[in-house]
Amino acid sequence: MKLKQLEGLLGGLTQFSDPKLELEQYATGPHIASRMLYMAENSFNDITGKVVAV
């Protein structure tokens, strides 16, 4: 997947409705998140085959 495609998909996700600051929950924007995921997959092969629980 291309980086811009990933950023677009992440941009469509719903963010936290009520983050808990004491748990350090905060939204990471799609620009940063897409680059983190892209690097994790393309540099370390850490994403393919993984599942995220909802």
PDB file of N, CA and C in Angstrom:
ATOM      1  N   MET A   1       0.847  -1.173   0.000  1.00  0.00           N
ATOM      2  CA  MET A   1       0.000   0.000   0.000  1.00  0.00           C
ATOM      3  C   MET A   1       0.895   1.238   0.000  1.00  0.00           C
ATOM      4  N   LYS A   2       0.500   2.227  -0.750  1.00  0.00           N
ATOM      5  CA  LYS A   2       1.267   3.464  -0.799  1.00  0.00           C
ATOM      6  C   LYS A   2       1.009   4.294   0.457  1.00  0.00           C
ATOM      7  N   LEU A   3       1.989   5.090   0.809  1.00  0.00           N
ATOM      8  CA  LEU A   3       1.920   5.909   2.022  1.00  0.00           C
ATOM      9  C   LEU A   3       0.709   6.843   2.012  1.00  0.00           C
ATOM     10  N   LYS A   4       0.434   7.490   0.913  1.00  0.00           N
ATOM     11  CA  LYS A   4      -0.710   8.415   0.830  1.00  0.00           C
ATOM     12  C   LYS A   4      -2.036   7.672   0.967  1.00  0.00           C
ATOM     13  N   GLN A   5      -2.111   6.442   0.452  1.00  0.00           N
ATOM     14  CA  GLN A   5      -3.321   5.624   0.611  1.00  0.00           C
ATOM     15  C   GLN A   5      -3.550   5.328   2.084  1.00  0.00           C
ATOM     16  N   LEU A   6      -2.490   4.915   2.773  1.00  0.00           N
ATOM     17  CA  LEU A   6      -2.585   4.599   4.196  1.00  0.00           C
ATOM     18  C   LEU A   6      -3.010   5.829   4.987  1.00  0.00           C
ATOM     19  N   GLU A   7      -2.420   6.968   4.688  1.00  0.00           N
ATOM     20  CA  GLU A   7      -2.782   8.203   5.385  1.00  0.00           C
ATOM     21  C   GLU A   7      -4.256   8.537   5.164  1.00  0.00           C
ATOM     22  N   GLY A   8      -4.746   8.337   3.946  1.00  0.00           N
ATOM     23  CA  GLY A   8      -6.151   8.584   3.649  1.00  0.00           C
ATOM     24  C   GLY A   8      -7.078   7.663   4.423  1.00  0.00           C
ATOM     25  N   LEU A   9      -6.718   6.388   4.514  1.00  0.00           N
ATOM     26  CA  LEU A   9      -7.536   5.434   5.276  1.00  0.00           C
ATOM     27  C   LEU A   9      -7.562   5.792   6.758  1.00  0.00           C
ATOM     28  N   LEU A  10      -6.407   6.126   7.306  1.00  0.00           N
ATOM     29  CA  LEU A  10      -6.341   6.486   8.721  1.00  0.00           C
ATOM     30  C   LEU A  10      -7.095   7.781   9.002  1.00  0.00           C
ATOM     31  N   GLY A  11      -7.106   8.682   8.030  1.00  0.00           N
ATOM     32  CA  GLY A  11      -7.825   9.945   8.187  1.00  0.00           C
ATOM     33  C   GLY A  11      -9.329   9.754   8.300  1.00  0.00           C
ATOM     34  N   GLY A  12      -9.837   8.638   7.811  1.00  0.00           N
ATOM     35  CA  GLY A  12     -11.262   8.359   7.876  1.00  0.00           C
ATOM     36  C   GLY A  12     -11.715   7.678   9.159  1.00  0.00           C
ATOM     37  N   LEU A  13     -10.777   7.336  10.036  1.00  0.00           N
ATOM     38  CA  LEU A  13     -11.134   6.660  11.283  1.00  0.00           C
ATOM     39  C   LEU A  13     -11.652   7.645  12.325  1.00  0.00           C
ATOM     40  N   THR A  14     -12.532   7.171  13.194  1.00  0.00           N
ATOM     41  CA  THR A  14     -13.047   7.979  14.291  1.00  0.00           C
ATOM     42  C   THR A  14     -12.006   8.052  15.398  1.00  0.00           C
ATOM     43  N   GLN A  15     -11.807   9.263  15.944  1.00  0.00           N
ATOM     44  CA  GLN A  15     -10.844   9.430  17.030  1.00  0.00           C
ATOM     45  C   GLN A  15     -11.521   9.176  18.369  1.00  0.00           C
ATOM     46  N   PHE A  16     -10.720   9.187  19.442  1.00  0.00           N
ATOM     47  CA  PHE A  16     -11.251   9.017  20.786  1.00  0.00           C
ATOM     48  C   PHE A  16     -12.385  10.004  21.022  1.00  0.00           C
ATOM     49  N   SER A  17     -13.468   9.532  21.634  1.00  0.00           N
ATOM     50  CA  SER A  17     -14.552  10.450  21.972  1.00  0.00           C
ATOM     51  C   SER A  17     -14.307  11.086  23.337  1.00  0.00           C
ATOM     52  N   ASP A  18     -13.638  10.358  24.229  1.00  0.00           N
ATOM     53  CA  ASP A  18     -13.368  10.885  25.570  1.00  0.00           C
ATOM     54  C   ASP A  18     -12.057  10.288  26.091  1.00  0.00           C
ATOM     55  N   PRO A  19     -10.911  10.762  25.588  1.00  0.00           N
ATOM     56  CA  PRO A  19      -9.630  10.193  26.029  1.00  0.00           C
ATOM     57  C   PRO A  19      -9.359  10.475  27.497  1.00  0.00           C
ATOM     58  N   LYS A  20      -8.703   9.533  28.157  1.00  0.00           N
ATOM     59  CA  LYS A  20      -8.354   9.676  29.575  1.00  0.00           C
ATOM     60  C   LYS A  20      -6.893  10.110  29.659  1.00  0.00           C
ATOM     61  N   LEU A  21      -6.679  11.351  30.073  1.00  0.00           N
ATOM     62  CA  LEU A  21      -5.325  11.886  30.132  1.00  0.00           C
ATOM     63  C   LEU A  21      -4.457  11.125  31.124  1.00  0.00           C
ATOM     64  N   GLU A  22      -5.051  10.617  32.208  1.00  0.00           N
ATOM     65  CA  GLU A  22      -4.265   9.869  33.196  1.00  0.00           C
ATOM     66  C   GLU A  22      -3.722   8.560  32.618  1.00  0.00           C
ATOM     67  N   LEU A  23      -4.354   8.063  31.564  1.00  0.00           N
ATOM     68  CA  LEU A  23      -3.871   6.866  30.869  1.00  0.00           C
ATOM     69  C   LEU A  23      -3.040   7.240  29.642  1.00  0.00           C
ATOM     70  N   GLU A  24      -2.783   8.535  29.492  1.00  0.00           N
ATOM     71  CA  GLU A  24      -2.005   9.062  28.365  1.00  0.00           C
ATOM     72  C   GLU A  24      -2.612   8.648  27.024  1.00  0.00           C
ATOM     73  N   GLN A  25      -3.933   8.706  26.952  1.00  0.00           N
ATOM     74  CA  GLN A  25      -4.630   8.419  25.702  1.00  0.00           C
ATOM     75  C   GLN A  25      -4.777   9.727  24.931  1.00  0.00           C
ATOM     76  N   TYR A  26      -4.240   9.763  23.751  1.00  0.00           N
ATOM     77  CA  TYR A  26      -4.376  10.942  22.909  1.00  0.00           C
ATOM     78  C   TYR A  26      -4.335  10.498  21.454  1.00  0.00           C
ATOM     79  N   ALA A  27      -4.934  11.292  20.622  1.00  0.00           N
ATOM     80  CA  ALA A  27      -5.012  10.946  19.203  1.00  0.00           C
ATOM     81  C   ALA A  27      -3.694  11.260  18.506  1.00  0.00           C
ATOM     82  N   THR A  28      -3.268  10.354  17.659  1.00  0.00           N
ATOM     83  CA  THR A  28      -2.128  10.591  16.779  1.00  0.00           C
ATOM     84  C   THR A  28      -2.705  10.852  15.398  1.00  0.00           C
ATOM     85  N   GLY A  29      -2.353  11.957  14.817  1.00  0.00           N
ATOM     86  CA  GLY A  29      -2.890  12.329  13.512  1.00  0.00           C
ATOM     87  C   GLY A  29      -2.522  11.326  12.430  1.00  0.00           C
ATOM     88  N   PRO A  30      -3.309  11.288  11.361  1.00  0.00           N
ATOM     89  CA  PRO A  30      -3.067  10.320  10.292  1.00  0.00           C
ATOM     90  C   PRO A  30      -1.710  10.494   9.608  1.00  0.00           C
ATOM     91  N   HIS A  31      -1.198  11.712   9.552  1.00  0.00           N
ATOM     92  CA  HIS A  31       0.101  11.956   8.912  1.00  0.00           C
ATOM     93  C   HIS A  31       1.212  11.211   9.660  1.00  0.00           C
ATOM     94  N   ILE A  32       1.249  11.353  10.982  1.00  0.00           N
ATOM     95  CA  ILE A  32       2.279  10.699  11.803  1.00  0.00           C
ATOM     96  C   ILE A  32       2.025   9.191  11.882  1.00  0.00           C
ATOM     97  N   ALA A  33       0.766   8.794  12.131  1.00  0.00           N
ATOM     98  CA  ALA A  33       0.435   7.374  12.280  1.00  0.00           C
ATOM     99  C   ALA A  33       0.758   6.587  11.011  1.00  0.00           C
ATOM    100  N   SER A  34       0.463   7.157   9.858  1.00  0.00           N
ATOM    101  CA  SER A  34       0.737   6.445   8.607  1.00  0.00           C
ATOM    102  C   SER A  34       2.235   6.227   8.427  1.00  0.00           C
ATOM    103  N   ARG A  35       3.036   7.193   8.789  1.00  0.00           N
ATOM    104  CA  ARG A  35       4.484   7.050   8.651  1.00  0.00           C
ATOM    105  C   ARG A  35       5.047   6.029   9.637  1.00  0.00           C
ATOM    106  N   MET A  36       4.485   5.998  10.844  1.00  0.00           N
ATOM    107  CA  MET A  36       4.927   5.000  11.831  1.00  0.00           C
ATOM    108  C   MET A  36       4.625   3.590  11.331  1.00  0.00           C
ATOM    109  N   LEU A  37       3.393   3.370  10.866  1.00  0.00           N
ATOM    110  CA  LEU A  37       3.005   2.050  10.366  1.00  0.00           C
ATOM    111  C   LEU A  37       3.787   1.673   9.115  1.00  0.00           C
ATOM    112  N   TYR A  38       3.973   2.628   8.226  1.00  0.00           N
ATOM    113  CA  TYR A  38       4.705   2.377   6.986  1.00  0.00           C
ATOM    114  C   TYR A  38       6.143   1.953   7.286  1.00  0.00           C
ATOM    115  N   MET A  39       6.786   2.654   8.212  1.00  0.00           N
ATOM    116  CA  MET A  39       8.165   2.318   8.564  1.00  0.00           C
ATOM    117  C   MET A  39       8.232   0.963   9.278  1.00  0.00           C
ATOM    118  N   ALA A  40       7.271   0.698  10.179  1.00  0.00           N
ATOM    119  CA  ALA A  40       7.260  -0.580  10.890  1.00  0.00           C
ATOM    120  C   ALA A  40       7.162  -1.746   9.910  1.00  0.00           C
ATOM    121  N   GLU A  41       6.361  -1.584   8.873  1.00  0.00           N
ATOM    122  CA  GLU A  41       6.199  -2.662   7.890  1.00  0.00           C
ATOM    123  C   GLU A  41       7.378  -2.740   6.925  1.00  0.00           C
ATOM    124  N   ASN A  42       7.766  -1.632   6.356  1.00  0.00           N
ATOM    125  CA  ASN A  42       8.773  -1.657   5.294  1.00  0.00           C
ATOM    126  C   ASN A  42      10.201  -1.775   5.804  1.00  0.00           C
ATOM    127  N   SER A  43      10.458  -1.390   7.040  1.00  0.00           N
ATOM    128  CA  SER A  43      11.814  -1.512   7.590  1.00  0.00           C
ATOM    129  C   SER A  43      11.987  -2.784   8.415  1.00  0.00           C
ATOM    130  N   PHE A  44      10.906  -3.198   9.107  1.00  0.00           N
ATOM    131  CA  PHE A  44      11.031  -4.300  10.059  1.00  0.00           C
ATOM    132  C   PHE A  44      10.081  -5.464   9.795  1.00  0.00           C
ATOM    133  N   ASN A  45       9.180  -5.347   8.799  1.00  0.00           N
ATOM    134  CA  ASN A  45       8.213  -6.399   8.475  1.00  0.00           C
ATOM    135  C   ASN A  45       7.365  -6.781   9.690  1.00  0.00           C
ATOM    136  N   ASP A  46       6.913  -5.762  10.430  1.00  0.00           N
ATOM    137  CA  ASP A  46       6.188  -5.990  11.680  1.00  0.00           C
ATOM    138  C   ASP A  46       4.665  -5.924  11.568  1.00  0.00           C
ATOM    139  N   ILE A  47       4.102  -5.670  10.406  1.00  0.00           N
ATOM    140  CA  ILE A  47       2.662  -5.443  10.304  1.00  0.00           C
ATOM    141  C   ILE A  47       1.927  -6.581   9.595  1.00  0.00           C
ATOM    142  N   THR A  48       2.455  -7.101   8.515  1.00  0.00           N
ATOM    143  CA  THR A  48       1.791  -8.136   7.725  1.00  0.00           C
ATOM    144  C   THR A  48       1.437  -9.338   8.593  1.00  0.00           C
ATOM    145  N   GLY A  49       0.167  -9.759   8.501  1.00  0.00           N
ATOM    146  CA  GLY A  49      -0.291 -10.925   9.243  1.00  0.00           C
ATOM    147  C   GLY A  49      -0.750 -10.625  10.661  1.00  0.00           C
ATOM    148  N   LYS A  50      -0.697  -9.371  11.075  1.00  0.00           N
ATOM    149  CA  LYS A  50      -1.104  -9.000  12.434  1.00  0.00           C
ATOM    150  C   LYS A  50      -2.570  -8.590  12.439  1.00  0.00           C
ATOM    151  N   VAL A  51      -3.228  -8.722  13.581  1.00  0.00           N
ATOM    152  CA  VAL A  51      -4.637  -8.376  13.745  1.00  0.00           C
ATOM    153  C   VAL A  51      -4.756  -7.404  14.909  1.00  0.00           C
ATOM    154  N   VAL A  52      -5.607  -6.399  14.732  1.00  0.00           N
ATOM    155  CA  VAL A  52      -5.867  -5.430  15.797  1.00  0.00           C
ATOM    156  C   VAL A  52      -7.248  -5.717  16.359  1.00  0.00           C
ATOM    157  N   ALA A  53      -7.346  -5.858  17.673  1.00  0.00           N
ATOM    158  CA  ALA A  53      -8.637  -6.097  18.315  1.00  0.00           C
ATOM    159  C   ALA A  53      -9.425  -4.797  18.373  1.00  0.00           C
ATOM    160  N   VAL A  54     -10.728  -4.906  18.175  1.00  0.00           N
ATOM    161  CA  VAL A  54     -11.589  -3.717  18.211  1.00  0.00           C
ATOM    162  C   VAL A  54     -12.305  -3.662  19.529  1.00  0.00           C
TER     163      VAL A  54
END
